[in-house]
Amino acid sequence: MAKFPRLEKLFDIIHEDPGLLVVHKPAGLVCHPTKGDEYSSLISRARVYLSGVGCGALGAGPSHAPSAPSPGPRLVNRLDRETSGLVVIAKNDATARGLGKIWESRAVQKEYLAIVHGHVAQGRGRVDAPLGKDDASRVAIKDCVRPDGAPAQTEFEVGKRFVRDGENYSLLRVIPRTGRKHQIRIHLAHLGHPLVGDKIYGGDEGLYLALVESRLTGEQRARLVLPTHALHAGSLKFEWRGRGWHFTSGPEPWFRGFCGGEC
C-alpha cells in the first residue's frame, strides 16, 4: 500500500453495490478533469477506486468490480466545483442508462442546504423565474433571470437565522423543482440573499475573474467570508428497479461550524 499513499482521500462512500457507487464529493473538487493527476477530479478518483487498486483502503467494506468489461464509471449527476454533497456514479452501461432516464425525466427529489447573506423574512417560499445566458456579463459561464429564459422553480424553507461576527445569515433548506445551470445560486441571489462565498452571483463577479486569474487579494477573500460557496447537496430520492432509493450526506465540518453546528 505504500505505493498509493493518497487512496484514503479519494472520497467518502455513501453506498456501493455491483452497479452503483454513491459518494460525497468534497467542496473544491471538480467532477470532470480539467488538468492535474488522477486525483484532480471526481471521475478520475472513481476510476482509480474501481480499478481495484487498494479498494479496501477506504474503509467502506468490500468493493464490487463490474462483472463485464465496461468503458468505465460514469457520473449520473454533477455538482459545481465548490458545491459539496451527493454524486451518483454508474459502474456499468445498464446502470448508466437506467438512472440517466430517471434524471432526464426529472423524477429525482433533490434537497440542498444553503447559507445565505441576510435574514430571509419569509419562513418558506418559491422562486419562479426563468433563466438564460447573461449577455452583459464578463463571465462566460454566467446566467441570469431573464423573461425569455428557460422556466425554473426553486422552493426554500428557513432552517435558522443567525448572526456571526456582526453580520446576518440564514440557513436554508432548498428544493429545486427544475435543473437549470446554477439555478439555486441565481434564484437565491434574485431573492436578495446570495450564497455566502459565491464569486459569480454574490454581487461582484470581479471576484470570480480575480480567482481564475490567480490574483484574488486578501481583502477580496475576506469579503467572500468563506473560501467556497456554502451550498451542499444533502439528499437524493428516486424510484428505480421497483424500489425507492434515498441517499443522504451531511455537510462538511466548515459548513456546520459556520452555522453553529445546527445543520
C-alpha atoms as a PDB file:
ATOM      1  CA  MET A   1       0.000   0.000   0.000  1.00  0.00           C
ATOM      2  CA  ALA A   2       2.953   2.354   0.296  1.00  0.00           C
ATOM      3  CA  LYS A   3       2.813   2.955  -3.454  1.00  0.00           C
ATOM      4  CA  PHE A   4      -0.629   4.622  -3.126  1.00  0.00           C
ATOM      5  CA  PRO A   5      -0.419   6.833  -0.005  1.00  0.00           C
ATOM      6  CA  ARG A   6      -3.354   9.084  -1.052  1.00  0.00           C
ATOM      7  CA  LEU A   7      -6.008   6.426  -1.623  1.00  0.00           C
ATOM      8  CA  GLU A   8      -7.690   7.059   1.713  1.00  0.00           C
ATOM      9  CA  LYS A   9      -8.508  10.595   0.498  1.00  0.00           C
ATOM     10  CA  LEU A  10     -10.346   9.656  -2.699  1.00  0.00           C
ATOM     11  CA  PHE A  11     -13.864  10.267  -1.362  1.00  0.00           C
ATOM     12  CA  ASP A  12     -16.379   9.172   1.276  1.00  0.00           C
ATOM     13  CA  ILE A  13     -18.591   6.310   0.105  1.00  0.00           C
ATOM     14  CA  ILE A  14     -22.290   6.573   0.944  1.00  0.00           C
ATOM     15  CA  HIS A  15     -23.428   3.423  -0.876  1.00  0.00           C
ATOM     16  CA  GLU A  16     -21.929   0.760  -3.098  1.00  0.00           C
ATOM     17  CA  ASP A  17     -23.295  -2.295  -4.902  1.00  0.00           C
ATOM     18  CA  PRO A  18     -22.286  -4.146  -8.097  1.00  0.00           C
ATOM     19  CA  GLY A  19     -23.638  -1.424 -10.393  1.00  0.00           C
ATOM     20  CA  LEU A  20     -23.809   1.706  -8.322  1.00  0.00           C
ATOM     21  CA  LEU A  21     -21.451   3.916  -6.345  1.00  0.00           C
ATOM     22  CA  VAL A  22     -22.749   6.936  -4.398  1.00  0.00           C
ATOM     23  CA  VAL A  23     -20.155   9.250  -2.895  1.00  0.00           C
ATOM     24  CA  HIS A  24     -19.803  12.543  -1.074  1.00  0.00           C
ATOM     25  CA  LYS A  25     -17.959  14.997  -3.306  1.00  0.00           C
ATOM     26  CA  PRO A  26     -15.988  17.492  -1.220  1.00  0.00           C
ATOM     27  CA  ALA A  27     -16.222  21.206  -1.926  1.00  0.00           C
ATOM     28  CA  GLY A  28     -13.428  22.325  -4.251  1.00  0.00           C
ATOM     29  CA  LEU A  29     -13.209  19.119  -6.320  1.00  0.00           C
ATOM     30  CA  VAL A  30     -14.308  19.220  -9.975  1.00  0.00           C
ATOM     31  CA  CYS A  31     -16.476  16.397 -11.304  1.00  0.00           C
ATOM     32  CA  HIS A  32     -14.643  16.088 -14.627  1.00  0.00           C
ATOM     33  CA  PRO A  33     -10.919  16.635 -15.205  1.00  0.00           C
ATOM     34  CA  THR A  34      -9.510  19.924 -16.414  1.00  0.00           C
ATOM     35  CA  LYS A  35      -5.868  19.340 -15.559  1.00  0.00           C
ATOM     36  CA  GLY A  36      -3.735  17.589 -12.990  1.00  0.00           C
ATOM     37  CA  ASP A  37      -3.256  13.988 -11.942  1.00  0.00           C
ATOM     38  CA  GLU A  38      -5.670  11.119 -11.352  1.00  0.00           C
ATOM     39  CA  TYR A  39      -6.763  12.677  -8.062  1.00  0.00           C
ATOM     40  CA  SER A  40      -7.756  16.061  -9.525  1.00  0.00           C
ATOM     41  CA  SER A  41     -11.374  15.176 -10.428  1.00  0.00           C
ATOM     42  CA  LEU A  42     -14.140  13.027  -9.010  1.00  0.00           C
ATOM     43  CA  ILE A  43     -14.453  10.806 -12.085  1.00  0.00           C
ATOM     44  CA  SER A  44     -10.693  10.221 -12.107  1.00  0.00           C
ATOM     45  CA  ARG A  45     -10.790   9.179  -8.465  1.00  0.00           C
ATOM     46  CA  ALA A  46     -13.685   6.842  -9.245  1.00  0.00           C
ATOM     47  CA  ARG A  47     -11.596   5.199 -11.981  1.00  0.00           C
ATOM     48  CA  VAL A  48      -8.721   4.722  -9.544  1.00  0.00           C
ATOM     49  CA  TYR A  49     -11.047   3.236  -6.941  1.00  0.00           C
ATOM     50  CA  LEU A  50     -12.854   0.902  -9.342  1.00  0.00           C
ATOM     51  CA  SER A  51      -9.624  -0.253 -10.958  1.00  0.00           C
ATOM     52  CA  GLY A  52      -9.263  -2.478  -7.911  1.00  0.00           C
ATOM     53  CA  VAL A  53      -6.022  -0.882  -6.701  1.00  0.00           C
ATOM     54  CA  GLY A  54      -6.292  -0.604  -2.938  1.00  0.00           C
ATOM     55  CA  CYS A  55     -10.085  -0.514  -2.878  1.00  0.00           C
ATOM     56  CA  GLY A  56     -10.148  -1.681   0.711  1.00  0.00           C
ATOM     57  CA  ALA A  57      -8.150   1.323   1.858  1.00  0.00           C
ATOM     58  CA  LEU A  58     -11.226   3.498   2.064  1.00  0.00           C
ATOM     59  CA  GLY A  59     -12.743   1.541   4.892  1.00  0.00           C
ATOM     60  CA  ALA A  60     -16.066   1.114   3.080  1.00  0.00           C
ATOM     61  CA  GLY A  61     -16.136  -2.658   3.160  1.00  0.00           C
ATOM     62  CA  PRO A  62     -15.607  -4.910   0.112  1.00  0.00           C
ATOM     63  CA  SER A  63     -15.823  -3.314  -3.305  1.00  0.00           C
ATOM     64  CA  HIS A  64     -17.713  -4.767  -6.237  1.00  0.00           C
ATOM     65  CA  ALA A  65     -15.999  -4.567  -9.600  1.00  0.00           C
ATOM     66  CA  PRO A  66     -18.163  -4.621 -12.760  1.00  0.00           C
ATOM     67  CA  SER A  67     -18.922  -8.194 -13.854  1.00  0.00           C
ATOM     68  CA  ALA A  68     -18.180  -7.445 -17.526  1.00  0.00           C
ATOM     69  CA  PRO A  69     -15.904  -5.098 -19.460  1.00  0.00           C
ATOM     70  CA  SER A  70     -17.150  -1.512 -19.347  1.00  0.00           C
ATOM     71  CA  PRO A  71     -15.997   1.841 -20.733  1.00  0.00           C
ATOM     72  CA  GLY A  72     -15.595   2.908 -17.125  1.00  0.00           C
ATOM     73  CA  PRO A  73     -17.628   4.687 -14.463  1.00  0.00           C
ATOM     74  CA  ARG A  74     -19.977   7.480 -15.486  1.00  0.00           C
ATOM     75  CA  LEU A  75     -21.412  10.292 -13.430  1.00  0.00           C
ATOM     76  CA  VAL A  76     -25.208  10.219 -13.311  1.00  0.00           C
ATOM     77  CA  ASN A  77     -25.377  13.712 -11.799  1.00  0.00           C
ATOM     78  CA  ARG A  78     -22.842  16.505 -11.390  1.00  0.00           C
ATOM     79  CA  LEU A  79     -22.160  19.296  -8.947  1.00  0.00           C
ATOM     80  CA  ASP A  80     -20.305  22.574  -9.360  1.00  0.00           C
ATOM     81  CA  ARG A  81     -16.694  22.538  -8.181  1.00  0.00           C
ATOM     82  CA  GLU A  82     -17.481  24.393  -4.946  1.00  0.00           C
ATOM     83  CA  THR A  83     -20.716  22.538  -4.139  1.00  0.00           C
ATOM     84  CA  SER A  84     -20.323  19.603  -1.770  1.00  0.00           C
ATOM     85  CA  GLY A  85     -22.529  16.555  -1.490  1.00  0.00           C
ATOM     86  CA  LEU A  86     -24.013  13.544  -3.196  1.00  0.00           C
ATOM     87  CA  VAL A  87     -22.902  12.325  -6.606  1.00  0.00           C
ATOM     88  CA  VAL A  88     -24.207   9.093  -8.141  1.00  0.00           C
ATOM     89  CA  ILE A  89     -21.761   7.075 -10.241  1.00  0.00           C
ATOM     90  CA  ALA A  90     -22.803   4.229 -12.556  1.00  0.00           C
ATOM     91  CA  LYS A  91     -20.319   1.389 -12.781  1.00  0.00           C
ATOM     92  CA  ASN A  92     -21.750  -0.129 -15.971  1.00  0.00           C
ATOM     93  CA  ASP A  93     -23.803   0.725 -19.050  1.00  0.00           C
ATOM     94  CA  ALA A  94     -27.091  -0.742 -17.794  1.00  0.00           C
ATOM     95  CA  THR A  95     -26.996   1.312 -14.611  1.00  0.00           C
ATOM     96  CA  ALA A  96     -25.989   4.456 -16.511  1.00  0.00           C
ATOM     97  CA  ARG A  97     -28.872   4.062 -18.968  1.00  0.00           C
ATOM     98  CA  GLY A  98     -31.469   3.302 -16.302  1.00  0.00           C
ATOM     99  CA  LEU A  99     -30.549   6.120 -13.970  1.00  0.00           C
ATOM    100  CA  GLY A 100     -29.949   8.510 -16.854  1.00  0.00           C
ATOM    101  CA  LYS A 101     -33.594   8.137 -17.909  1.00  0.00           C
ATOM    102  CA  ILE A 102     -34.756   8.863 -14.361  1.00  0.00           C
ATOM    103  CA  TRP A 103     -32.668  12.049 -14.177  1.00  0.00           C
ATOM    104  CA  GLU A 104     -33.831  13.158 -17.632  1.00  0.00           C
ATOM    105  CA  SER A 105     -37.476  12.684 -16.620  1.00  0.00           C
ATOM    106  CA  ARG A 106     -36.921  14.910 -13.552  1.00  0.00           C
ATOM    107  CA  ALA A 107     -38.212  12.124 -11.296  1.00  0.00           C
ATOM    108  CA  VAL A 108     -35.499  12.754  -8.703  1.00  0.00           C
ATOM    109  CA  GLN A 109     -36.203  14.665  -5.491  1.00  0.00           C
ATOM    110  CA  LYS A 110     -33.160  16.751  -4.559  1.00  0.00           C
ATOM    111  CA  GLU A 111     -32.596  18.687  -1.372  1.00  0.00           C
ATOM    112  CA  TYR A 112     -29.795  21.131  -0.603  1.00  0.00           C
ATOM    113  CA  LEU A 113     -28.596  23.159   2.361  1.00  0.00           C
ATOM    114  CA  ALA A 114     -27.521  26.735   1.695  1.00  0.00           C
ATOM    115  CA  ILE A 115     -26.095  29.501   3.865  1.00  0.00           C
ATOM    116  CA  VAL A 116     -27.049  32.916   2.519  1.00  0.00           C
ATOM    117  CA  HIS A 117     -26.392  36.532   3.398  1.00  0.00           C
ATOM    118  CA  GLY A 118     -29.070  38.293   5.442  1.00  0.00           C
ATOM    119  CA  HIS A 119     -32.104  37.159   7.402  1.00  0.00           C
ATOM    120  CA  VAL A 120     -34.671  35.779   4.944  1.00  0.00           C
ATOM    121  CA  ALA A 121     -38.001  37.234   6.050  1.00  0.00           C
ATOM    122  CA  GLN A 122     -40.295  34.537   4.661  1.00  0.00           C
ATOM    123  CA  GLY A 123     -40.318  31.269   6.551  1.00  0.00           C
ATOM    124  CA  ARG A 124     -40.746  29.478   3.257  1.00  0.00           C
ATOM    125  CA  GLY A 125     -41.310  30.422  -0.346  1.00  0.00           C
ATOM    126  CA  ARG A 126     -40.849  29.684  -4.024  1.00  0.00           C
ATOM    127  CA  VAL A 127     -38.821  31.483  -6.670  1.00  0.00           C
ATOM    128  CA  ASP A 128     -40.336  31.106 -10.131  1.00  0.00           C
ATOM    129  CA  ALA A 129     -38.040  32.948 -12.529  1.00  0.00           C
ATOM    130  CA  PRO A 130     -36.790  31.882 -15.999  1.00  0.00           C
ATOM    131  CA  LEU A 131     -33.059  31.594 -16.556  1.00  0.00           C
ATOM    132  CA  GLY A 132     -30.797  32.235 -19.524  1.00  0.00           C
ATOM    133  CA  LYS A 133     -27.376  33.495 -20.524  1.00  0.00           C
ATOM    134  CA  ASP A 134     -26.231  36.784 -19.003  1.00  0.00           C
ATOM    135  CA  ASP A 135     -25.148  38.605 -22.154  1.00  0.00           C
ATOM    136  CA  ALA A 136     -23.963  41.635 -20.184  1.00  0.00           C
ATOM    137  CA  SER A 137     -21.524  39.698 -18.012  1.00  0.00           C
ATOM    138  CA  ARG A 138     -17.772  39.400 -18.469  1.00  0.00           C
ATOM    139  CA  VAL A 139     -18.033  35.859 -17.077  1.00  0.00           C
ATOM    140  CA  ALA A 140     -18.718  33.454 -19.950  1.00  0.00           C
ATOM    141  CA  ILE A 141     -20.471  30.837 -17.816  1.00  0.00           C
ATOM    142  CA  LYS A 142     -22.776  33.273 -16.013  1.00  0.00           C
ATOM    143  CA  ASP A 143     -26.558  33.030 -16.405  1.00  0.00           C
ATOM    144  CA  CYS A 144     -29.271  35.305 -15.065  1.00  0.00           C
ATOM    145  CA  VAL A 145     -33.014  35.755 -14.641  1.00  0.00           C
ATOM    146  CA  ARG A 146     -34.449  36.897 -17.983  1.00  0.00           C
ATOM    147  CA  PRO A 147     -38.017  36.873 -19.383  1.00  0.00           C
ATOM    148  CA  ASP A 148     -37.097  34.789 -22.433  1.00  0.00           C
ATOM    149  CA  GLY A 149     -35.175  32.211 -20.424  1.00  0.00           C
ATOM    150  CA  ALA A 150     -35.989  28.583 -19.639  1.00  0.00           C
ATOM    151  CA  PRO A 151     -38.592  28.005 -16.890  1.00  0.00           C
ATOM    152  CA  ALA A 152     -37.038  27.437 -13.462  1.00  0.00           C
ATOM    153  CA  GLN A 153     -38.535  26.994  -9.982  1.00  0.00           C
ATOM    154  CA  THR A 154     -36.844  26.702  -6.609  1.00  0.00           C
ATOM    155  CA  GLU A 155     -38.521  26.193  -3.231  1.00  0.00           C
ATOM    156  CA  PHE A 156     -36.893  27.143   0.056  1.00  0.00           C
ATOM    157  CA  GLU A 157     -37.516  26.976   3.786  1.00  0.00           C
ATOM    158  CA  VAL A 158     -35.629  28.805   6.522  1.00  0.00           C
ATOM    159  CA  GLY A 159     -33.963  26.411   8.930  1.00  0.00           C
ATOM    160  CA  LYS A 160     -32.201  29.002  11.029  1.00  0.00           C
ATOM    161  CA  ARG A 161     -31.438  32.714  11.159  1.00  0.00           C
ATOM    162  CA  PHE A 162     -28.223  33.638  12.923  1.00  0.00           C
ATOM    163  CA  VAL A 163     -25.621  36.334  13.447  1.00  0.00           C
ATOM    164  CA  ARG A 164     -21.891  35.792  13.042  1.00  0.00           C
ATOM    165  CA  ASP A 165     -19.227  38.449  13.510  1.00  0.00           C
ATOM    166  CA  GLY A 166     -21.946  41.100  13.494  1.00  0.00           C
ATOM    167  CA  GLU A 167     -23.447  40.004  10.147  1.00  0.00           C
ATOM    168  CA  ASN A 168     -26.829  38.380   9.484  1.00  0.00           C
ATOM    169  CA  TYR A 169     -27.091  34.972   7.797  1.00  0.00           C
ATOM    170  CA  SER A 170     -29.766  32.347   7.130  1.00  0.00           C
ATOM    171  CA  LEU A 171     -29.533  28.593   6.762  1.00  0.00           C
ATOM    172  CA  LEU A 172     -31.974  27.390   4.109  1.00  0.00           C
ATOM    173  CA  ARG A 173     -33.337  24.042   3.031  1.00  0.00           C
ATOM    174  CA  VAL A 174     -33.650  24.297  -0.748  1.00  0.00           C
ATOM    175  CA  ILE A 175     -35.536  22.091  -3.201  1.00  0.00           C
ATOM    176  CA  PRO A 176     -35.001  22.753  -6.926  1.00  0.00           C
ATOM    177  CA  ARG A 177     -38.043  21.779  -8.973  1.00  0.00           C
ATOM    178  CA  THR A 178     -36.132  22.154 -12.237  1.00  0.00           C
ATOM    179  CA  GLY A 179     -32.477  21.528 -13.031  1.00  0.00           C
ATOM    180  CA  ARG A 180     -31.066  24.601 -14.746  1.00  0.00           C
ATOM    181  CA  LYS A 181     -27.388  25.544 -14.614  1.00  0.00           C
ATOM    182  CA  HIS A 182     -26.538  27.454 -11.417  1.00  0.00           C
ATOM    183  CA  GLN A 183     -30.274  27.568 -10.663  1.00  0.00           C
ATOM    184  CA  ILE A 184     -30.139  27.671  -6.872  1.00  0.00           C
ATOM    185  CA  ARG A 185     -27.339  30.226  -6.840  1.00  0.00           C
ATOM    186  CA  ILE A 186     -29.116  32.546  -9.272  1.00  0.00           C
ATOM    187  CA  HIS A 187     -32.516  32.249  -7.626  1.00  0.00           C
ATOM    188  CA  LEU A 188     -31.191  32.948  -4.137  1.00  0.00           C
ATOM    189  CA  ALA A 189     -29.318  35.991  -5.423  1.00  0.00           C
ATOM    190  CA  HIS A 190     -32.501  37.090  -7.230  1.00  0.00           C
ATOM    191  CA  LEU A 191     -34.301  36.777  -3.896  1.00  0.00           C
ATOM    192  CA  GLY A 192     -31.782  39.233  -2.459  1.00  0.00           C
ATOM    193  CA  HIS A 193     -29.910  36.621  -0.408  1.00  0.00           C
ATOM    194  CA  PRO A 194     -26.887  35.298  -2.345  1.00  0.00           C
ATOM    195  CA  LEU A 195     -24.891  32.326  -1.163  1.00  0.00           C
ATOM    196  CA  VAL A 196     -22.069  33.087   1.223  1.00  0.00           C
ATOM    197  CA  GLY A 197     -18.833  32.703  -0.735  1.00  0.00           C
ATOM    198  CA  ASP A 198     -20.432  32.889  -4.199  1.00  0.00           C
ATOM    199  CA  LYS A 199     -17.905  34.526  -6.508  1.00  0.00           C
ATOM    200  CA  ILE A 200     -20.187  34.836  -9.542  1.00  0.00           C
ATOM    201  CA  TYR A 201     -23.615  35.654  -8.134  1.00  0.00           C
ATOM    202  CA  GLY A 202     -22.632  37.291  -4.864  1.00  0.00           C
ATOM    203  CA  GLY A 203     -22.797  40.829  -6.250  1.00  0.00           C
ATOM    204  CA  ASP A 204     -19.277  41.286  -7.602  1.00  0.00           C
ATOM    205  CA  GLU A 205     -18.362  38.970 -10.478  1.00  0.00           C
ATOM    206  CA  GLY A 206     -14.903  40.546 -10.441  1.00  0.00           C
ATOM    207  CA  LEU A 207     -14.163  38.187  -7.557  1.00  0.00           C
ATOM    208  CA  TYR A 208     -14.582  35.221  -9.891  1.00  0.00           C
ATOM    209  CA  LEU A 209     -12.356  36.788 -12.537  1.00  0.00           C
ATOM    210  CA  ALA A 210      -9.726  37.501  -9.900  1.00  0.00           C
ATOM    211  CA  LEU A 211      -9.898  33.884  -8.737  1.00  0.00           C
ATOM    212  CA  VAL A 212      -9.453  32.306 -12.160  1.00  0.00           C
ATOM    213  CA  GLU A 213      -6.642  34.735 -12.958  1.00  0.00           C
ATOM    214  CA  SER A 214      -4.906  33.894  -9.643  1.00  0.00           C
ATOM    215  CA  ARG A 215      -4.974  37.470  -8.363  1.00  0.00           C
ATOM    216  CA  LEU A 216      -7.518  37.243  -5.546  1.00  0.00           C
ATOM    217  CA  THR A 217      -6.340  39.541  -2.747  1.00  0.00           C
ATOM    218  CA  GLY A 218      -6.661  39.061   0.983  1.00  0.00           C
ATOM    219  CA  GLU A 219      -9.251  41.833   1.108  1.00  0.00           C
ATOM    220  CA  GLN A 220     -11.318  40.083  -1.575  1.00  0.00           C
ATOM    221  CA  ARG A 221     -11.084  36.774   0.259  1.00  0.00           C
ATOM    222  CA  ALA A 222     -12.323  38.465   3.413  1.00  0.00           C
ATOM    223  CA  ARG A 223     -15.318  39.853   1.510  1.00  0.00           C
ATOM    224  CA  LEU A 224     -16.200  36.346   0.373  1.00  0.00           C
ATOM    225  CA  VAL A 225     -16.262  35.221   4.051  1.00  0.00           C
ATOM    226  CA  LEU A 226     -15.797  31.557   3.028  1.00  0.00           C
ATOM    227  CA  PRO A 227     -13.280  30.114   0.542  1.00  0.00           C
ATOM    228  CA  THR A 228     -16.001  28.102  -1.234  1.00  0.00           C
ATOM    229  CA  HIS A 229     -19.681  28.900  -1.638  1.00  0.00           C
ATOM    230  CA  ALA A 230     -21.946  27.461   1.036  1.00  0.00           C
ATOM    231  CA  LEU A 231     -24.129  25.016  -0.906  1.00  0.00           C
ATOM    232  CA  HIS A 232     -24.467  21.337  -0.024  1.00  0.00           C
ATOM    233  CA  ALA A 233     -26.371  18.611  -1.910  1.00  0.00           C
ATOM    234  CA  GLY A 234     -27.576  16.557   1.026  1.00  0.00           C
ATOM    235  CA  SER A 235     -30.426  14.310  -0.175  1.00  0.00           C
ATOM    236  CA  LEU A 236     -31.471  12.337  -3.272  1.00  0.00           C
ATOM    237  CA  LYS A 237     -34.677  10.301  -3.618  1.00  0.00           C
ATOM    238  CA  PHE A 238     -35.891   8.336  -6.631  1.00  0.00           C
ATOM    239  CA  GLU A 239     -37.711   5.160  -7.706  1.00  0.00           C
ATOM    240  CA  TRP A 240     -35.645   2.602  -9.608  1.00  0.00           C
ATOM    241  CA  ARG A 241     -35.885  -1.124 -10.266  1.00  0.00           C
ATOM    242  CA  GLY A 242     -39.109  -1.476  -8.317  1.00  0.00           C
ATOM    243  CA  ARG A 243     -37.999   0.174  -5.091  1.00  0.00           C
ATOM    244  CA  GLY A 244     -37.362   3.539  -3.528  1.00  0.00           C
ATOM    245  CA  TRP A 245     -33.807   4.815  -3.052  1.00  0.00           C
ATOM    246  CA  HIS A 246     -32.857   7.547  -0.601  1.00  0.00           C
ATOM    247  CA  PHE A 247     -29.305   8.739  -0.041  1.00  0.00           C
ATOM    248  CA  THR A 248     -28.205  11.397   2.426  1.00  0.00           C
ATOM    249  CA  SER A 249     -24.915  13.044   3.316  1.00  0.00           C
ATOM    250  CA  GLY A 250     -24.298  15.687   5.955  1.00  0.00           C
ATOM    251  CA  PRO A 251     -22.463  18.954   5.255  1.00  0.00           C
ATOM    252  CA  GLU A 252     -18.748  19.258   5.825  1.00  0.00           C
ATOM    253  CA  PRO A 253     -17.255  20.484   9.140  1.00  0.00           C
ATOM    254  CA  TRP A 254     -16.537  24.016   7.829  1.00  0.00           C
ATOM    255  CA  PHE A 255     -20.198  24.356   6.783  1.00  0.00           C
ATOM    256  CA  ARG A 256     -21.551  23.076  10.105  1.00  0.00           C
ATOM    257  CA  GLY A 257     -19.096  25.214  12.027  1.00  0.00           C
ATOM    258  CA  PHE A 258     -20.112  28.393  10.255  1.00  0.00           C
ATOM    259  CA  CYS A 259     -23.788  27.987  11.174  1.00  0.00           C
ATOM    260  CA  GLY A 260     -23.041  26.911  14.721  1.00  0.00           C
ATOM    261  CA  GLY A 261     -23.247  23.170  14.189  1.00  0.00           C
ATOM    262  CA  GLU A 262     -27.032  23.132  13.691  1.00  0.00           C
ATOM    263  CA  CYS A 263     -27.323  21.995  10.066  1.00  0.00           C
END
